[in-house]
Amino acid sequence: MALKRNPDAEEVDVDQSISGQKAKQLFSKDTRSRKKEKKVLTTFSIEPSFKMELEDLFADMGLGWAAGIRFSLREFYKKYREEE
């Protein structure tokens, strides 16, 4: 069954409604780009034995290789930034 549009009903301006404002804010390109940045691929050399040790440590923490490296770098940054 199709619904008919009621011509007597007031038209709701999407820009004025709270949900419309929230949707506009959520989907605007400006706020999305600030929330999540694209990752940058970096490479470095490491001994295979040391990498295996780190992989085991990260696995014990419930992290994969990339997540473990990101976590380690954040912790390193926090520690040495506070010592300045």
C-alpha atoms as a PDB file:
ATOM      1  CA  MET A   1       0.000   0.000   0.000  1.00  0.00           C
ATOM      2  CA  ALA A   2       1.440   3.360  -1.008  1.00  0.00           C
ATOM      3  CA  LEU A   3       1.295   6.357   1.278  1.00  0.00           C
ATOM      4  CA  LYS A   4       0.022   9.632  -0.094  1.00  0.00           C
ATOM      5  CA  ARG A   5       1.704  12.858   0.734  1.00  0.00           C
ATOM      6  CA  ASN A   6      -0.358  15.158   2.904  1.00  0.00           C
ATOM      7  CA  PRO A   7      -0.228  18.652   1.326  1.00  0.00           C
ATOM      8  CA  ASP A   8      -1.515  20.240   4.551  1.00  0.00           C
ATOM      9  CA  ALA A   9       1.391  18.985   6.663  1.00  0.00           C
ATOM     10  CA  GLU A  10       4.140  21.462   7.444  1.00  0.00           C
ATOM     11  CA  GLU A  11       7.367  21.006   5.574  1.00  0.00           C
ATOM     12  CA  VAL A  12      10.319  20.456   7.902  1.00  0.00           C
ATOM     13  CA  ASP A  13      13.482  22.251   6.873  1.00  0.00           C
ATOM     14  CA  VAL A  14      16.304  19.728   7.155  1.00  0.00           C
ATOM     15  CA  ASP A  15      18.860  22.460   7.869  1.00  0.00           C
ATOM     16  CA  GLN A  16      16.830  23.661  10.873  1.00  0.00           C
ATOM     17  CA  SER A  17      16.107  20.274  12.456  1.00  0.00           C
ATOM     18  CA  ILE A  18      18.468  18.920  15.086  1.00  0.00           C
ATOM     19  CA  SER A  19      18.907  15.625  13.276  1.00  0.00           C
ATOM     20  CA  GLY A  20      19.610  17.485  10.041  1.00  0.00           C
ATOM     21  CA  GLN A  21      22.288  19.576  11.721  1.00  0.00           C
ATOM     22  CA  LYS A  22      23.876  16.502  13.277  1.00  0.00           C
ATOM     23  CA  ALA A  23      23.866  14.681   9.934  1.00  0.00           C
ATOM     24  CA  LYS A  24      25.424  17.652   8.185  1.00  0.00           C
ATOM     25  CA  GLN A  25      28.131  17.859  10.862  1.00  0.00           C
ATOM     26  CA  LEU A  26      28.790  14.108  10.756  1.00  0.00           C
ATOM     27  CA  PHE A  27      29.084  13.871   6.993  1.00  0.00           C
ATOM     28  CA  SER A  28      30.869  17.128   6.256  1.00  0.00           C
ATOM     29  CA  LYS A  29      34.313  16.597   4.793  1.00  0.00           C
ATOM     30  CA  ASP A  30      35.991  19.023   7.204  1.00  0.00           C
ATOM     31  CA  THR A  31      35.195  17.106  10.383  1.00  0.00           C
ATOM     32  CA  ARG A  32      35.832  13.660   8.907  1.00  0.00           C
ATOM     33  CA  SER A  33      39.297  14.588   7.678  1.00  0.00           C
ATOM     34  CA  ARG A  34      40.266  15.886  11.118  1.00  0.00           C
ATOM     35  CA  LYS A  35      39.040  12.780  12.907  1.00  0.00           C
ATOM     36  CA  LYS A  36      40.883  10.168  10.894  1.00  0.00           C
ATOM     37  CA  GLU A  37      44.095  10.642   8.999  1.00  0.00           C
ATOM     38  CA  LYS A  38      45.357   8.280   6.374  1.00  0.00           C
ATOM     39  CA  LYS A  39      48.218   6.044   7.457  1.00  0.00           C
ATOM     40  CA  VAL A  40      51.691   6.522   6.003  1.00  0.00           C
ATOM     41  CA  LEU A  41      53.618   3.405   5.037  1.00  0.00           C
ATOM     42  CA  THR A  42      57.078   3.356   6.579  1.00  0.00           C
ATOM     43  CA  THR A  43      59.832   0.782   6.322  1.00  0.00           C
ATOM     44  CA  PHE A  44      62.768  -0.082   8.517  1.00  0.00           C
ATOM     45  CA  SER A  45      65.244  -2.921   8.928  1.00  0.00           C
ATOM     46  CA  ILE A  46      65.246  -5.232  11.929  1.00  0.00           C
ATOM     47  CA  GLU A  47      66.933  -8.524  12.786  1.00  0.00           C
ATOM     48  CA  PRO A  48      64.605 -11.512  12.258  1.00  0.00           C
ATOM     49  CA  SER A  49      65.215 -12.825  15.790  1.00  0.00           C
ATOM     50  CA  PHE A  50      64.321  -9.457  17.361  1.00  0.00           C
ATOM     51  CA  LYS A  51      61.218  -9.221  15.179  1.00  0.00           C
ATOM     52  CA  MET A  52      60.063 -12.643  16.369  1.00  0.00           C
ATOM     53  CA  GLU A  53      60.564 -11.529  19.997  1.00  0.00           C
ATOM     54  CA  LEU A  54      58.494  -8.404  19.352  1.00  0.00           C
ATOM     55  CA  GLU A  55      55.786 -10.395  17.551  1.00  0.00           C
ATOM     56  CA  ASP A  56      55.537 -12.722  20.567  1.00  0.00           C
ATOM     57  CA  LEU A  57      55.332  -9.747  22.944  1.00  0.00           C
ATOM     58  CA  PHE A  58      52.662  -8.049  20.816  1.00  0.00           C
ATOM     59  CA  ALA A  59      50.699 -11.323  20.533  1.00  0.00           C
ATOM     60  CA  ASP A  60      50.695 -11.606  24.338  1.00  0.00           C
ATOM     61  CA  MET A  61      49.224  -8.100  24.416  1.00  0.00           C
ATOM     62  CA  GLY A  62      46.600  -9.075  21.841  1.00  0.00           C
ATOM     63  CA  LEU A  63      48.142  -6.925  19.123  1.00  0.00           C
ATOM     64  CA  GLY A  64      49.308  -7.678  15.615  1.00  0.00           C
ATOM     65  CA  TRP A  65      52.640  -6.509  14.251  1.00  0.00           C
ATOM     66  CA  ALA A  66      51.526  -3.127  12.892  1.00  0.00           C
ATOM     67  CA  ALA A  67      49.312  -2.308  15.878  1.00  0.00           C
ATOM     68  CA  GLY A  68      52.142  -3.266  18.239  1.00  0.00           C
ATOM     69  CA  ILE A  69      54.610  -1.001  16.445  1.00  0.00           C
ATOM     70  CA  ARG A  70      52.118   1.901  16.500  1.00  0.00           C
ATOM     71  CA  PHE A  71      51.484   1.291  20.225  1.00  0.00           C
ATOM     72  CA  SER A  72      55.230   1.174  20.942  1.00  0.00           C
ATOM     73  CA  LEU A  73      55.885   4.388  19.065  1.00  0.00           C
ATOM     74  CA  ARG A  74      53.053   6.194  20.910  1.00  0.00           C
ATOM     75  CA  GLU A  75      54.392   5.017  24.285  1.00  0.00           C
ATOM     76  CA  PHE A  76      57.945   6.025  23.346  1.00  0.00           C
ATOM     77  CA  TYR A  77      56.707   9.452  22.279  1.00  0.00           C
ATOM     78  CA  LYS A  78      54.738   9.940  25.524  1.00  0.00           C
ATOM     79  CA  LYS A  79      57.696   8.902  27.686  1.00  0.00           C
ATOM     80  CA  TYR A  80      60.298  11.111  26.056  1.00  0.00           C
ATOM     81  CA  ARG A  81      57.998  14.067  25.434  1.00  0.00           C
ATOM     82  CA  GLU A  82      57.305  14.318  29.190  1.00  0.00           C
ATOM     83  CA  GLU A  83      61.014  14.352  30.062  1.00  0.00           C
ATOM     84  CA  GLU A  84      61.686  17.635  28.256  1.00  0.00           C
END
